């Protein structure tokens, strides 16, 4: 069931898409993370998002 309310959709996209992913172990981290929460590696990338 798609989310119709614009504000709820924006909030859901923020929590699902705006994360960082560790290049070593693949764990998701918050956007402001400096190192991985699992392996303590500093090699993080932003989560890929579809281009619209």
PDB file of N, CA and C in Angstrom:
ATOM      1  N   UNK A   1       0.848  -1.169   0.000  1.00  0.00           N
ATOM      2  CA  UNK A   1       0.000   0.000   0.000  1.00  0.00           C
ATOM      3  C   UNK A   1       0.901   1.242   0.000  1.00  0.00           C
ATOM      4  N   UNK A   2       0.832   2.073  -1.038  1.00  0.00           N
ATOM      5  CA  UNK A   2       1.686   3.252  -1.111  1.00  0.00           C
ATOM      6  C   UNK A   2       1.266   4.322  -0.101  1.00  0.00           C
ATOM      7  N   UNK A   3       2.242   5.094   0.327  1.00  0.00           N
ATOM      8  CA  UNK A   3       1.983   6.181   1.270  1.00  0.00           C
ATOM      9  C   UNK A   3       1.521   7.396   0.477  1.00  0.00           C
ATOM     10  N   UNK A   4       0.341   7.909   0.794  1.00  0.00           N
ATOM     11  CA  UNK A   4      -0.249   9.013   0.053  1.00  0.00           C
ATOM     12  C   UNK A   4       0.167  10.356   0.637  1.00  0.00           C
ATOM     13  N   UNK A   5       0.244  10.450   1.947  1.00  0.00           N
ATOM     14  CA  UNK A   5       0.585  11.706   2.613  1.00  0.00           C
ATOM     15  C   UNK A   5       2.030  12.096   2.271  1.00  0.00           C
ATOM     16  N   UNK A   6       2.227  13.293   1.761  1.00  0.00           N
ATOM     17  CA  UNK A   6       3.537  13.741   1.297  1.00  0.00           C
ATOM     18  C   UNK A   6       4.541  13.818   2.440  1.00  0.00           C
ATOM     19  N   UNK A   7       4.122  14.316   3.570  1.00  0.00           N
ATOM     20  CA  UNK A   7       5.040  14.466   4.707  1.00  0.00           C
ATOM     21  C   UNK A   7       5.476  13.107   5.247  1.00  0.00           C
ATOM     22  N   UNK A   8       4.554  12.159   5.325  1.00  0.00           N
ATOM     23  CA  UNK A   8       4.905  10.812   5.785  1.00  0.00           C
ATOM     24  C   UNK A   8       5.828  10.121   4.791  1.00  0.00           C
ATOM     25  N   UNK A   9       5.606  10.345   3.490  1.00  0.00           N
ATOM     26  CA  UNK A   9       6.468   9.755   2.466  1.00  0.00           C
ATOM     27  C   UNK A   9       7.895  10.297   2.579  1.00  0.00           C
ATOM     28  N   UNK A  10       8.008  11.618   2.785  1.00  0.00           N
ATOM     29  CA  UNK A  10       9.334  12.234   2.916  1.00  0.00           C
ATOM     30  C   UNK A  10      10.068  11.694   4.140  1.00  0.00           C
ATOM     31  N   UNK A  11       9.352  11.550   5.231  1.00  0.00           N
ATOM     32  CA  UNK A  11       9.932  11.027   6.459  1.00  0.00           C
ATOM     33  C   UNK A  11      10.385   9.577   6.284  1.00  0.00           C
ATOM     34  N   UNK A  12       9.561   8.762   5.627  1.00  0.00           N
ATOM     35  CA  UNK A  12       9.917   7.357   5.385  1.00  0.00           C
ATOM     36  C   UNK A  12      11.135   7.256   4.481  1.00  0.00           C
ATOM     37  N   UNK A  13      11.214   8.068   3.437  1.00  0.00           N
ATOM     38  CA  UNK A  13      12.370   8.047   2.549  1.00  0.00           C
ATOM     39  C   UNK A  13      13.631   8.454   3.281  1.00  0.00           C
ATOM     40  N   UNK A  14      13.513   9.419   4.171  1.00  0.00           N
ATOM     41  CA  UNK A  14      14.687   9.857   4.930  1.00  0.00           C
ATOM     42  C   UNK A  14      15.248   8.710   5.768  1.00  0.00           C
ATOM     43  N   UNK A  15      14.387   7.989   6.468  1.00  0.00           N
ATOM     44  CA  UNK A  15      14.852   6.914   7.336  1.00  0.00           C
ATOM     45  C   UNK A  15      15.330   5.699   6.553  1.00  0.00           C
ATOM     46  N   UNK A  16      14.812   5.466   5.353  1.00  0.00           N
ATOM     47  CA  UNK A  16      15.199   4.297   4.564  1.00  0.00           C
ATOM     48  C   UNK A  16      16.414   4.540   3.678  1.00  0.00           C
ATOM     49  N   UNK A  17      16.574   5.750   3.162  1.00  0.00           N
ATOM     50  CA  UNK A  17      17.570   5.987   2.121  1.00  0.00           C
ATOM     51  C   UNK A  17      18.800   6.755   2.575  1.00  0.00           C
ATOM     52  N   UNK A  18      18.679   7.588   3.592  1.00  0.00           N
ATOM     53  CA  UNK A  18      19.799   8.427   3.980  1.00  0.00           C
ATOM     54  C   UNK A  18      20.615   7.740   5.072  1.00  0.00           C
ATOM     55  N   UNK A  19      21.480   6.827   4.632  1.00  0.00           N
ATOM     56  CA  UNK A  19      22.354   6.064   5.524  1.00  0.00           C
ATOM     57  C   UNK A  19      23.712   5.932   4.866  1.00  0.00           C
ATOM     58  N   UNK A  20      24.687   5.472   5.632  1.00  0.00           N
ATOM     59  CA  UNK A  20      25.991   5.131   5.091  1.00  0.00           C
ATOM     60  C   UNK A  20      26.191   3.636   5.218  1.00  0.00           C
ATOM     61  N   UNK A  21      26.903   3.060   4.260  1.00  0.00           N
ATOM     62  CA  UNK A  21      27.143   1.626   4.231  1.00  0.00           C
ATOM     63  C   UNK A  21      28.646   1.393   4.322  1.00  0.00           C
ATOM     64  N   UNK A  22      29.035   0.453   5.167  1.00  0.00           N
ATOM     65  CA  UNK A  22      30.442   0.103   5.323  1.00  0.00           C
ATOM     66  C   UNK A  22      30.888  -0.696   4.100  1.00  0.00           C
ATOM     67  N   UNK A  23      32.048  -0.360   3.551  1.00  0.00           N
ATOM     68  CA  UNK A  23      32.556  -1.074   2.382  1.00  0.00           C
ATOM     69  C   UNK A  23      33.145  -2.430   2.759  1.00  0.00           C
ATOM     70  N   UNK A  24      33.477  -2.635   4.011  1.00  0.00           N
ATOM     71  CA  UNK A  24      34.081  -3.899   4.437  1.00  0.00           C
ATOM     72  C   UNK A  24      33.034  -4.935   4.819  1.00  0.00           C
ATOM     73  N   UNK A  25      32.141  -4.588   5.755  1.00  0.00           N
ATOM     74  CA  UNK A  25      31.198  -5.582   6.272  1.00  0.00           C
ATOM     75  C   UNK A  25      29.770  -5.381   5.771  1.00  0.00           C
ATOM     76  N   UNK A  26      29.456  -4.237   5.147  1.00  0.00           N
ATOM     77  CA  UNK A  26      28.128  -4.007   4.605  1.00  0.00           C
ATOM     78  C   UNK A  26      27.098  -3.524   5.610  1.00  0.00           C
ATOM     79  N   UNK A  27      27.498  -3.179   6.810  1.00  0.00           N
ATOM     80  CA  UNK A  27      26.556  -2.710   7.828  1.00  0.00           C
ATOM     81  C   UNK A  27      26.081  -1.297   7.507  1.00  0.00           C
ATOM     82  N   UNK A  28      24.814  -0.994   7.844  1.00  0.00           N
ATOM     83  CA  UNK A  28      24.294   0.359   7.644  1.00  0.00           C
ATOM     84  C   UNK A  28      24.545   1.181   8.900  1.00  0.00           C
ATOM     85  N   UNK A  29      24.902   2.434   8.682  1.00  0.00           N
ATOM     86  CA  UNK A  29      25.237   3.358   9.753  1.00  0.00           C
ATOM     87  C   UNK A  29      24.503   4.670   9.520  1.00  0.00           C
ATOM     88  N   UNK A  30      24.390   5.525  10.548  1.00  0.00           N
ATOM     89  CA  UNK A  30      23.771   6.831  10.341  1.00  0.00           C
ATOM     90  C   UNK A  30      24.620   7.695   9.403  1.00  0.00           C
ATOM     91  N   UNK A  31      24.001   8.729   8.812  1.00  0.00           N
ATOM     92  CA  UNK A  31      24.717   9.581   7.863  1.00  0.00           C
ATOM     93  C   UNK A  31      25.876  10.333   8.508  1.00  0.00           C
ATOM     94  N   UNK A  32      25.797  10.641   9.788  1.00  0.00           N
ATOM     95  CA  UNK A  32      26.871  11.397  10.424  1.00  0.00           C
ATOM     96  C   UNK A  32      27.947  10.500  11.037  1.00  0.00           C
ATOM     97  N   UNK A  33      27.934   9.210  10.734  1.00  0.00           N
ATOM     98  CA  UNK A  33      28.924   8.282  11.292  1.00  0.00           C
ATOM     99  C   UNK A  33      30.291   8.530  10.670  1.00  0.00           C
ATOM    100  N   UNK A  34      31.316   8.435  11.479  1.00  0.00           N
ATOM    101  CA  UNK A  34      32.691   8.574  11.005  1.00  0.00           C
ATOM    102  C   UNK A  34      33.354   7.213  10.807  1.00  0.00           C
ATOM    103  N   UNK A  35      32.884   6.209  11.563  1.00  0.00           N
ATOM    104  CA  UNK A  35      33.399   4.853  11.398  1.00  0.00           C
ATOM    105  C   UNK A  35      32.267   3.857  11.634  1.00  0.00           C
ATOM    106  N   UNK A  36      32.477   2.628  11.176  1.00  0.00           N
ATOM    107  CA  UNK A  36      31.445   1.598  11.212  1.00  0.00           C
ATOM    108  C   UNK A  36      31.147   1.170  12.650  1.00  0.00           C
ATOM    109  N   UNK A  37      29.878   0.882  12.918  1.00  0.00           N
ATOM    110  CA  UNK A  37      29.477   0.468  14.267  1.00  0.00           C
ATOM    111  C   UNK A  37      29.858  -0.976  14.555  1.00  0.00           C
ATOM    112  N   UNK A  38      30.053  -1.806  13.501  1.00  0.00           N
ATOM    113  CA  UNK A  38      30.369  -3.218  13.703  1.00  0.00           C
ATOM    114  C   UNK A  38      31.874  -3.493  13.666  1.00  0.00           C
ATOM    115  N   UNK A  39      32.533  -3.053  12.582  1.00  0.00           N
ATOM    116  CA  UNK A  39      33.945  -3.428  12.408  1.00  0.00           C
ATOM    117  C   UNK A  39      34.906  -2.277  12.694  1.00  0.00           C
ATOM    118  N   UNK A  40      34.400  -1.114  13.010  1.00  0.00           N
ATOM    119  CA  UNK A  40      35.187   0.085  13.351  1.00  0.00           C
ATOM    120  C   UNK A  40      36.065   0.575  12.203  1.00  0.00           C
ATOM    121  N   UNK A  41      35.703   0.219  10.969  1.00  0.00           N
ATOM    122  CA  UNK A  41      36.444   0.660   9.801  1.00  0.00           C
ATOM    123  C   UNK A  41      35.979   2.061   9.409  1.00  0.00           C
ATOM    124  N   UNK A  42      36.864   2.886   8.835  1.00  0.00           N
ATOM    125  CA  UNK A  42      36.510   4.259   8.473  1.00  0.00           C
ATOM    126  C   UNK A  42      36.112   4.394   7.008  1.00  0.00           C
ATOM    127  N   UNK A  43      36.070   3.287   6.266  1.00  0.00           N
ATOM    128  CA  UNK A  43      35.750   3.323   4.839  1.00  0.00           C
ATOM    129  C   UNK A  43      34.243   3.166   4.642  1.00  0.00           C
ATOM    130  N   UNK A  44      33.508   4.298   4.674  1.00  0.00           N
ATOM    131  CA  UNK A  44      32.053   4.306   4.530  1.00  0.00           C
ATOM    132  C   UNK A  44      31.669   5.024   3.240  1.00  0.00           C
ATOM    133  N   UNK A  45      30.533   4.619   2.672  1.00  0.00           N
ATOM    134  CA  UNK A  45      29.990   5.279   1.488  1.00  0.00           C
ATOM    135  C   UNK A  45      28.515   5.568   1.733  1.00  0.00           C
ATOM    136  N   UNK A  46      27.959   6.597   1.064  1.00  0.00           N
ATOM    137  CA  UNK A  46      26.524   6.838   1.181  1.00  0.00           C
ATOM    138  C   UNK A  46      25.744   5.738   0.486  1.00  0.00           C
ATOM    139  N   UNK A  47      24.566   5.418   0.999  1.00  0.00           N
ATOM    140  CA  UNK A  47      23.717   4.407   0.385  1.00  0.00           C
ATOM    141  C   UNK A  47      23.257   4.892  -0.978  1.00  0.00           C
ATOM    142  N   UNK A  48      23.273   3.998  -1.954  1.00  0.00           N
ATOM    143  CA  UNK A  48      22.871   4.366  -3.311  1.00  0.00           C
ATOM    144  C   UNK A  48      21.379   4.610  -3.373  1.00  0.00           C
ATOM    145  N   UNK A  49      21.009   5.659  -4.128  1.00  0.00           N
ATOM    146  CA  UNK A  49      19.603   5.991  -4.328  1.00  0.00           C
ATOM    147  C   UNK A  49      19.340   6.035  -5.822  1.00  0.00           C
ATOM    148  N   UNK A  50      18.129   5.667  -6.207  1.00  0.00           N
ATOM    149  CA  UNK A  50      17.753   5.704  -7.616  1.00  0.00           C
ATOM    150  C   UNK A  50      17.726   7.138  -8.103  1.00  0.00           C
ATOM    151  N   UNK A  51      18.201   7.342  -9.334  1.00  0.00           N
ATOM    152  CA  UNK A  51      18.094   8.647  -9.966  1.00  0.00           C
ATOM    153  C   UNK A  51      16.729   8.767 -10.607  1.00  0.00           C
ATOM    154  N   UNK A  52      16.067   9.870 -10.355  1.00  0.00           N
ATOM    155  CA  UNK A  52      14.718  10.053 -10.896  1.00  0.00           C
ATOM    156  C   UNK A  52      14.708  11.103 -11.981  1.00  0.00           C
TER     157      UNK A  52
END
